Amino acid sequence: MMSPAGRRLRVLLSEGGSTSARQAITMLGLAGHHVEICDPSPLCLGRFSRFVRAVHRCPPLRRDPAGYLGFVTELLARRGFDVLLPIHEQGLVFARAPDRIAALAGVALPSYGSYRTAVTKAGFSRLLEKLGLPQPPTRIVTSEHELIEVARGPCVIKISVGTASRGVWRVTDQAALDQAVYELRAAEGFAGELLVQDFIAGPIEHAQAVFDRGDLLALHAYRQIETGAGGGPSRKLSIRGDAVRADVAAIGAALGWHGALSFDVIRPANDARPLYIDCNPRLVEPMSAQLAGLDLVDLLLRLSLGEQPAAPKPSRDGVCSHLGMQALLGCALRSGSRRNVMRECVRLMLRQPPYAGSAEELTPVGHDGFSAVPLVATAVILLAAPRRATTLAAKGWGDHLLDAAALARIDRGFDQPA
């Protein structure tokens, strides 16, 4: 595959530690692009790829957003990239200083106000209410007293700024509520808004969309078949996105969105209309769409370069895929059994059910042998001590992500360089 303009592009990814970044690296590398990444960790997941030409150790977004922005702009100016790809929450920083970025590289981003609405759970919930779109019954609270008053019955508590199921508590009884309150106090969680949503039983589905200045360009959907570490899927099945297409188009139009936008929904047990439970202002794990025939990363590159690409053919439903590392971590977290982890390793290696006919998304060893390093390391660690799954899973929550304090600093803005 060649680049959108028939040429090889120099692409800088805004981070390299997430599963989304790792999958984008594979897609960009197989398409023949030159890929470099920024990350505060010298051993981020994306480092272990033959497609990555350089890893630039940057200031952490969470603790120093201004320093992070300065690092990226200096890197763009010095190394001459064609496209900056905001693969995670770093897009908020770039949307806060769009002129500084646009002068140096192509990028597809909405306005700061739109990004700010989508990046917080409270902002997204208010948008759903304004548009009349379905979500679980939701209350927004700002204090411990309010939380205790409304957290009745099975419910889910969420901090407004959080990623990959961090800052989420499922409350089924008083003991669970007490534990949530204790952890929120320790993390200063009452400093911002909290969502309390009724617990709804049903399968989790995901939708990934790309917009061209408010117009829906492409949509891919998949169902979470098995849960891995951090609440994310370890096994997926692509599905038709008809049930959410109109809603997704309405959200993108209301925000005037430009670029990628992803959603988590829950389909109630009675198979009623899907309920929206989360929004991510970025492209989440794009390999499922790629395997189903829809290259969302290529669309983002084209938009970043100022093109107006035609709407592509829809993705295929019924395509199975998995993330081996997530599957091993999920197995260890659920069972705590070395024997079960060993069985899962064998199933993955031999493509036995449930992995028969399923494609690996995260560590495509056949295309990228270097990607086996973190997969093998995860297997060895879990076979030695399955209880370490909790520690390993927590490494996905790092300084490259936002929290409420970083969000407040970005809201205040950045001084222009002299």
Protein backbone atom coordinates (compact mmCIF):
# COMPACT_ATOMS: atom_id res chain seq x y z
CA MET A 1 0.00 0.00 0.00
CA MET A 2 1.10 3.55 -0.68
CA SER A 3 0.32 6.77 1.08
CA PRO A 4 -2.77 8.89 0.32
CA ALA A 5 -0.94 11.13 -2.13
CA GLY A 6 0.97 8.24 -3.69
CA ARG A 7 3.99 8.97 -1.54
CA ARG A 8 5.56 7.77 1.65
CA LEU A 9 4.60 10.04 4.55
CA ARG A 10 6.57 10.95 7.62
CA VAL A 11 4.14 10.44 10.51
CA LEU A 12 4.61 11.34 14.18
CA LEU A 13 2.36 9.60 16.71
CA SER A 14 1.53 11.58 19.84
CA GLU A 15 2.29 8.63 22.13
CA GLY A 16 3.39 5.02 21.93
CA GLY A 17 2.13 3.35 25.09
CA SER A 18 -1.48 2.55 24.25
CA THR A 19 -2.98 -0.39 22.39
CA SER A 20 -4.43 2.13 19.93
CA ALA A 21 -0.96 3.51 19.15
CA ARG A 22 0.49 0.02 18.77
CA GLN A 23 -2.18 -0.94 16.24
CA ALA A 24 -1.79 2.31 14.31
CA ILE A 25 1.97 1.66 14.10
CA THR A 26 1.32 -1.68 12.40
CA MET A 27 -1.12 -0.17 9.91
CA LEU A 28 1.17 2.77 9.08
CA GLY A 29 4.22 0.54 8.75
CA LEU A 30 2.53 -1.97 6.46
CA ALA A 31 1.37 0.96 4.29
CA GLY A 32 5.00 2.00 3.85
CA HIS A 33 5.03 5.16 5.97
CA HIS A 34 7.92 6.42 8.07
CA VAL A 35 6.77 6.22 11.72
CA GLU A 36 8.18 7.91 14.80
CA ILE A 37 6.58 8.17 18.24
CA CYS A 38 6.68 10.39 21.34
CA ASP A 39 6.31 8.90 24.79
CA PRO A 40 7.51 9.66 28.34
CA SER A 41 8.40 5.99 28.86
CA PRO A 42 11.58 4.60 27.29
CA LEU A 43 9.97 1.13 27.24
CA CYS A 44 6.53 1.97 25.87
CA LEU A 45 4.66 -0.72 23.94
CA GLY A 46 5.24 0.96 20.59
CA ARG A 47 9.02 0.76 20.92
CA PHE A 48 8.84 -2.96 20.19
CA SER A 49 8.11 -2.71 16.48
CA ARG A 50 10.30 -2.92 13.41
CA PHE A 51 8.15 -0.16 11.88
CA VAL A 52 9.16 2.51 14.42
CA ARG A 53 12.17 4.51 13.22
CA ALA A 54 12.64 6.60 16.37
CA VAL A 55 11.21 6.96 19.88
CA HIS A 56 11.38 10.46 21.34
CA ARG A 57 11.19 10.62 25.12
CA CYS A 58 8.93 13.58 25.86
CA PRO A 59 7.64 15.38 28.97
CA PRO A 60 4.56 13.68 30.44
CA LEU A 61 1.24 15.14 29.29
CA ARG A 62 -0.38 14.57 32.67
CA ARG A 63 2.23 16.48 34.68
CA ASP A 64 3.53 18.97 32.13
CA PRO A 65 1.14 19.64 29.21
CA ALA A 66 2.91 22.88 28.26
CA GLY A 67 6.27 21.10 28.20
CA TYR A 68 4.77 18.30 26.15
CA LEU A 69 3.38 20.76 23.59
CA GLY A 70 6.71 22.58 23.36
CA PHE A 71 8.56 19.29 22.85
CA VAL A 72 6.24 18.17 20.05
CA THR A 73 6.29 21.50 18.21
CA GLU A 74 10.09 21.62 18.38
CA LEU A 75 10.28 18.04 17.09
CA LEU A 76 7.90 18.77 14.23
CA ALA A 77 9.94 21.81 13.22
CA ARG A 78 13.26 20.01 13.46
CA ARG A 79 12.43 16.71 11.77
CA GLY A 80 9.91 17.76 9.14
CA PHE A 81 6.91 15.47 9.50
CA ASP A 82 4.01 15.45 7.03
CA VAL A 83 1.37 14.42 9.58
CA LEU A 84 0.93 14.55 13.34
CA LEU A 85 -1.43 11.76 14.41
CA PRO A 86 -3.04 12.42 17.84
CA ILE A 87 -3.64 8.81 18.75
CA HIS A 88 -4.75 9.47 22.33
CA GLU A 89 -5.83 12.34 24.60
CA GLN A 90 -2.89 14.50 23.53
CA GLY A 91 -5.24 15.84 20.87
CA LEU A 92 -6.67 18.20 23.50
CA VAL A 93 -3.32 19.99 23.81
CA PHE A 94 -3.00 20.32 20.04
CA ALA A 95 -6.57 21.62 19.75
CA ARG A 96 -5.67 24.29 22.34
CA ALA A 97 -2.85 25.58 20.12
CA PRO A 98 -4.04 24.77 16.58
CA ASP A 99 -2.07 27.49 14.79
CA ARG A 100 1.23 26.32 16.28
CA ILE A 101 0.58 22.76 15.05
CA ALA A 102 -0.91 23.60 11.64
CA ALA A 103 2.16 25.64 10.73
CA LEU A 104 4.35 22.57 11.15
CA ALA A 105 2.39 19.47 10.05
CA GLY A 106 -0.96 18.24 8.83
CA VAL A 107 -3.40 17.26 11.56
CA ALA A 108 -7.13 16.46 11.72
CA LEU A 109 -8.71 17.94 14.84
CA PRO A 110 -11.97 19.62 15.88
CA SER A 111 -12.20 22.90 17.78
CA TYR A 112 -10.99 23.01 21.36
CA GLY A 113 -14.53 23.51 22.65
CA SER A 114 -15.76 20.39 20.86
CA TYR A 115 -12.80 18.33 22.06
CA ARG A 116 -13.35 19.61 25.59
CA THR A 117 -16.99 18.44 25.49
CA ALA A 118 -16.11 14.97 24.24
CA VAL A 119 -13.12 14.29 26.48
CA THR A 120 -15.07 14.51 29.77
CA LYS A 121 -17.79 12.08 30.73
CA ALA A 122 -19.91 14.87 32.19
CA GLY A 123 -19.61 16.94 29.02
CA PHE A 124 -20.58 13.99 26.84
CA SER A 125 -23.52 13.11 29.09
CA ARG A 126 -24.84 16.67 28.84
CA LEU A 127 -24.48 16.56 25.06
CA LEU A 128 -26.47 13.32 24.89
CA GLU A 129 -29.19 14.90 27.00
CA LYS A 130 -29.27 17.98 24.77
CA LEU A 131 -29.57 15.85 21.61
CA GLY A 132 -32.14 13.51 23.15
CA LEU A 133 -29.91 10.45 22.67
CA PRO A 134 -30.10 7.42 24.97
CA GLN A 135 -27.83 6.86 27.97
CA PRO A 136 -28.33 5.02 31.27
CA PRO A 137 -30.17 7.13 33.88
CA THR A 138 -27.43 9.55 34.97
CA ARG A 139 -26.81 11.96 37.85
CA ILE A 140 -23.85 14.35 37.96
CA VAL A 141 -22.56 15.13 41.46
CA THR A 142 -19.76 17.27 42.85
CA SER A 143 -19.37 16.18 46.48
CA GLU A 144 -19.10 13.14 48.69
CA HIS A 145 -22.42 13.98 50.33
CA GLU A 146 -24.22 14.13 46.97
CA LEU A 147 -22.62 10.89 45.86
CA ILE A 148 -23.77 8.99 48.94
CA GLU A 149 -27.28 10.40 48.52
CA VAL A 150 -27.77 9.28 44.90
CA ALA A 151 -25.72 6.07 44.73
CA ARG A 152 -28.64 3.76 45.50
CA GLY A 153 -29.09 0.29 44.05
CA PRO A 154 -26.76 -1.23 41.46
CA CYS A 155 -24.94 1.66 39.82
CA VAL A 156 -21.67 2.72 38.23
CA ILE A 157 -19.61 5.66 39.52
CA LYS A 158 -17.27 7.40 37.08
CA ILE A 159 -14.85 10.26 37.43
CA SER A 160 -15.36 12.77 34.63
CA VAL A 161 -11.79 12.51 33.28
CA GLY A 162 -10.65 8.92 32.94
CA THR A 163 -9.52 6.40 30.34
CA ALA A 164 -9.66 2.62 29.85
CA SER A 165 -12.09 2.00 32.72
CA ARG A 166 -9.80 3.69 35.26
CA GLY A 167 -11.75 5.80 37.70
CA VAL A 168 -14.83 3.57 37.41
CA TRP A 169 -16.50 1.70 40.26
CA ARG A 170 -19.39 -0.75 40.02
CA VAL A 171 -21.45 -0.48 43.20
CA THR A 172 -23.76 -3.33 44.19
CA ASP A 173 -23.95 -2.90 47.98
CA GLN A 174 -22.92 -0.61 50.85
CA ALA A 175 -19.48 -2.18 51.16
CA ALA A 176 -18.74 -1.46 47.50
CA LEU A 177 -19.93 2.14 47.91
CA ASP A 178 -17.74 2.60 50.99
CA GLN A 179 -14.73 1.30 49.09
CA ALA A 180 -15.42 3.64 46.16
CA VAL A 181 -15.72 6.63 48.49
CA TYR A 182 -12.47 5.66 50.23
CA GLU A 183 -10.59 5.42 46.91
CA LEU A 184 -12.09 8.68 45.65
CA ARG A 185 -10.95 10.48 48.81
CA ALA A 186 -7.43 9.08 48.41
CA ALA A 187 -7.27 10.17 44.76
CA GLU A 188 -8.88 13.59 45.39
CA GLY A 189 -11.70 12.42 43.14
CA PHE A 190 -14.22 14.79 44.72
CA ALA A 191 -12.33 17.77 43.29
CA GLY A 192 -14.25 17.39 40.01
CA GLU A 193 -17.54 16.12 38.69
CA LEU A 194 -18.65 12.52 39.14
CA LEU A 195 -21.24 10.57 37.18
CA VAL A 196 -23.56 8.07 38.82
CA GLN A 197 -25.31 5.86 36.29
CA ASP A 198 -27.78 3.05 36.82
CA PHE A 199 -26.21 -0.32 36.11
CA ILE A 200 -27.58 -1.81 32.88
CA ALA A 201 -26.98 -5.45 31.98
CA GLY A 202 -26.11 -6.28 28.40
CA PRO A 203 -23.26 -6.76 25.92
CA ILE A 204 -20.80 -3.94 25.30
CA GLU A 205 -20.37 -2.66 21.76
CA HIS A 206 -18.00 -0.09 20.29
CA ALA A 207 -18.29 2.29 17.36
CA GLN A 208 -15.42 4.08 15.63
CA ALA A 209 -16.13 7.00 13.33
CA VAL A 210 -14.21 9.44 11.15
CA PHE A 211 -15.74 12.84 10.36
CA ASP A 212 -14.95 15.45 7.75
CA ARG A 213 -15.90 18.80 9.37
CA GLY A 214 -19.09 17.47 10.93
CA ASP A 215 -20.05 15.00 8.19
CA LEU A 216 -19.83 11.29 8.98
CA LEU A 217 -17.33 9.77 6.55
CA ALA A 218 -16.90 6.22 7.87
CA LEU A 219 -18.16 4.01 10.70
CA HIS A 220 -17.05 0.66 12.08
CA ALA A 221 -18.62 -1.28 14.95
CA TYR A 222 -17.71 -4.37 16.92
CA ARG A 223 -18.95 -6.31 19.93
CA GLN A 224 -16.82 -7.10 22.97
CA ILE A 225 -16.82 -10.89 23.25
CA GLU A 226 -14.34 -11.22 26.12
CA THR A 227 -12.97 -8.68 28.57
CA GLY A 228 -9.24 -8.21 29.05
CA ALA A 229 -7.26 -5.95 31.35
CA GLY A 230 -8.68 -2.56 32.27
CA GLY A 231 -12.19 -3.42 31.10
CA GLY A 232 -11.27 -3.31 27.42
CA PRO A 233 -11.96 -6.16 24.99
CA SER A 234 -9.59 -9.05 24.47
CA ARG A 235 -11.80 -10.67 21.81
CA LYS A 236 -13.98 -8.84 19.29
CA LEU A 237 -16.54 -9.52 16.61
CA SER A 238 -17.23 -6.91 13.94
CA ILE A 239 -20.91 -6.06 13.55
CA ARG A 240 -23.09 -3.79 11.46
CA GLY A 241 -23.27 -0.25 12.78
CA ASP A 242 -26.80 0.49 11.58
CA ALA A 243 -28.18 0.74 15.13
CA VAL A 244 -25.95 3.68 16.00
CA ARG A 245 -25.19 5.32 12.65
CA ALA A 246 -27.84 8.06 12.90
CA ASP A 247 -26.91 8.85 16.51
CA VAL A 248 -23.19 8.99 15.74
CA ALA A 249 -23.82 11.26 12.77
CA ALA A 250 -25.91 13.58 14.98
CA ILE A 251 -23.18 13.79 17.64
CA GLY A 252 -20.48 14.55 15.07
CA ALA A 253 -22.63 17.18 13.40
CA ALA A 254 -23.45 18.88 16.72
CA LEU A 255 -19.75 19.08 17.57
CA GLY A 256 -18.62 19.98 14.04
CA TRP A 257 -16.16 17.13 14.52
CA HIS A 258 -13.11 16.78 12.30
CA GLY A 259 -11.10 13.59 12.68
CA ALA A 260 -11.74 10.45 14.70
CA LEU A 261 -14.37 9.91 17.40
CA SER A 262 -15.15 6.62 19.18
CA PHE A 263 -18.02 5.45 21.38
CA ASP A 264 -18.81 2.73 23.89
CA VAL A 265 -22.42 1.57 24.07
CA ILE A 266 -24.31 -1.06 25.99
CA ARG A 267 -27.16 -2.98 24.42
CA PRO A 268 -29.76 -3.70 27.12
CA ALA A 269 -30.73 -7.31 27.72
CA ASN A 270 -34.15 -6.67 26.14
CA ASP A 271 -32.31 -5.67 22.91
CA ALA A 272 -33.69 -2.14 23.10
CA ARG A 273 -31.92 0.83 21.55
CA PRO A 274 -28.21 0.92 22.52
CA LEU A 275 -27.29 3.26 25.38
CA TYR A 276 -24.18 5.45 25.13
CA ILE A 277 -21.84 5.06 28.09
CA ASP A 278 -18.59 6.69 26.97
CA CYS A 279 -16.95 8.76 24.26
CA ASN A 280 -13.30 8.93 23.22
CA PRO A 281 -12.15 11.88 21.05
CA ARG A 282 -9.73 9.71 19.10
CA LEU A 283 -9.42 6.51 17.08
CA VAL A 284 -9.54 3.56 19.48
CA GLU A 285 -7.79 0.33 18.38
CA PRO A 286 -8.28 0.68 14.60
CA MET A 287 -7.15 -2.83 13.62
CA SER A 288 -10.64 -4.39 13.92
CA ALA A 289 -11.85 -2.05 11.19
CA GLN A 290 -8.75 -2.75 9.08
CA LEU A 291 -9.30 -6.50 9.27
CA ALA A 292 -12.92 -5.93 8.27
CA GLY A 293 -11.87 -3.99 5.17
CA LEU A 294 -12.02 -0.37 6.40
CA ASP A 295 -8.77 1.60 6.79
CA LEU A 296 -9.65 4.38 9.21
CA VAL A 297 -6.02 5.41 9.69
CA ASP A 298 -5.65 6.11 5.97
CA LEU A 299 -8.76 8.30 6.12
CA LEU A 300 -7.23 10.26 8.98
CA LEU A 301 -4.03 10.78 7.02
CA ARG A 302 -6.01 12.11 4.06
CA LEU A 303 -7.99 14.49 6.26
CA SER A 304 -4.77 15.62 7.92
CA LEU A 305 -3.36 16.53 4.53
CA GLY A 306 -6.41 18.64 3.71
CA GLU A 307 -8.00 16.18 1.32
CA GLN A 308 -11.74 15.52 1.10
CA PRO A 309 -11.86 11.74 0.65
CA ALA A 310 -14.96 9.99 -0.61
CA ALA A 311 -16.87 7.78 1.79
CA PRO A 312 -15.37 4.26 1.67
CA LYS A 313 -17.23 0.97 1.45
CA PRO A 314 -18.65 -0.23 4.80
CA SER A 315 -16.66 -2.70 6.88
CA ARG A 316 -17.65 -6.36 6.91
CA ASP A 317 -19.46 -7.90 9.85
CA GLY A 318 -18.57 -11.29 11.33
CA VAL A 319 -14.78 -10.72 11.47
CA CYS A 320 -13.17 -12.12 14.65
CA SER A 321 -10.04 -10.63 16.20
CA HIS A 322 -8.21 -10.66 19.51
CA LEU A 323 -5.42 -9.06 21.55
CA GLY A 324 -3.19 -11.78 22.93
CA MET A 325 -1.64 -9.73 25.73
CA GLN A 326 -5.06 -8.58 26.90
CA ALA A 327 -6.35 -12.15 26.80
CA LEU A 328 -3.51 -13.38 29.03
CA LEU A 329 -3.94 -10.52 31.48
CA GLY A 330 -7.70 -11.03 31.60
CA CYS A 331 -7.27 -14.75 32.22
CA ALA A 332 -4.83 -14.12 35.07
CA LEU A 333 -7.04 -11.42 36.62
CA ARG A 334 -10.13 -13.63 36.55
CA SER A 335 -8.60 -16.89 37.70
CA GLY A 336 -5.29 -16.14 39.41
CA SER A 337 -4.29 -19.60 38.20
CA ARG A 338 -0.96 -20.46 36.61
CA ARG A 339 -2.55 -23.52 34.99
CA ASN A 340 -5.25 -21.43 33.37
CA VAL A 341 -2.69 -18.95 32.07
CA MET A 342 -0.71 -21.83 30.55
CA ARG A 343 -3.85 -23.16 28.85
CA GLU A 344 -4.56 -19.70 27.45
CA CYS A 345 -1.00 -19.47 26.10
CA VAL A 346 -1.43 -22.81 24.32
CA ARG A 347 -4.79 -21.76 22.83
CA LEU A 348 -3.26 -18.56 21.51
CA MET A 349 -0.17 -20.22 20.04
CA LEU A 350 -2.07 -23.07 18.38
CA ARG A 351 -5.08 -20.92 17.41
CA GLN A 352 -7.39 -23.27 19.25
CA PRO A 353 -10.94 -22.16 20.14
CA PRO A 354 -11.84 -19.45 20.94
CA TYR A 355 -8.98 -18.12 18.77
CA ALA A 356 -9.58 -20.35 15.74
CA GLY A 357 -10.30 -18.12 12.77
CA SER A 358 -9.43 -15.00 14.76
CA ALA A 359 -6.70 -12.49 13.85
CA GLU A 360 -4.23 -10.94 16.28
CA GLU A 361 -4.59 -7.15 16.51
CA LEU A 362 -1.89 -6.03 18.91
CA THR A 363 1.22 -8.13 18.36
CA PRO A 364 1.23 -9.26 14.69
CA VAL A 365 4.30 -11.47 14.94
CA GLY A 366 4.00 -12.62 11.32
CA HIS A 367 4.46 -9.06 10.05
CA ASP A 368 6.51 -7.67 12.90
CA GLY A 369 8.66 -10.17 14.79
CA PHE A 370 9.82 -7.53 17.27
CA SER A 371 6.23 -7.26 18.55
CA ALA A 372 6.64 -10.68 20.16
CA VAL A 373 8.86 -9.21 22.88
CA PRO A 374 6.11 -7.69 25.09
CA LEU A 375 3.80 -10.65 24.41
CA VAL A 376 6.40 -13.22 25.47
CA ALA A 377 7.43 -11.10 28.46
CA THR A 378 3.81 -10.86 29.61
CA ALA A 379 3.36 -14.62 29.32
CA VAL A 380 6.56 -15.36 31.27
CA ILE A 381 5.69 -12.93 34.07
CA LEU A 382 2.14 -14.27 34.43
CA LEU A 383 3.26 -17.89 34.39
CA ALA A 384 5.71 -17.09 37.17
CA ALA A 385 3.22 -15.04 39.22
CA PRO A 386 -0.37 -14.67 37.93
CA ARG A 387 -1.12 -12.12 40.67
CA ARG A 388 1.18 -9.65 38.89
CA ALA A 389 -1.55 -9.17 36.27
CA THR A 390 -2.93 -6.29 38.32
CA THR A 391 0.42 -4.47 38.25
CA LEU A 392 0.97 -5.11 34.55
CA ALA A 393 -2.52 -3.92 33.64
CA ALA A 394 -2.01 -0.71 35.62
CA LYS A 395 0.97 0.22 33.42
CA GLY A 396 -1.47 1.25 30.71
CA TRP A 397 -2.48 4.17 32.95
CA GLY A 398 0.48 6.50 32.79
CA ASP A 399 1.78 10.01 32.47
CA HIS A 400 0.85 10.12 28.79
CA LEU A 401 -2.85 10.42 29.76
CA LEU A 402 -5.02 13.23 31.12
CA ASP A 403 -6.39 13.78 34.59
CA ALA A 404 -8.51 16.60 36.04
CA ALA A 405 -5.48 18.67 37.08
CA ALA A 406 -3.91 18.47 33.62
CA LEU A 407 -7.24 19.37 32.06
CA ALA A 408 -7.44 22.51 34.20
CA ARG A 409 -3.91 23.54 33.17
CA ILE A 410 -4.75 23.08 29.49
CA ASP A 411 -7.95 25.10 29.94
CA ARG A 412 -5.83 28.03 31.10
CA GLY A 413 -3.91 27.95 27.84
CA PHE A 414 -0.26 28.23 26.87
CA ASP A 415 1.95 31.23 26.27
CA GLN A 416 3.05 31.62 22.69
CA PRO A 417 6.78 31.12 22.11
CA ALA A 418 8.91 34.22 21.88
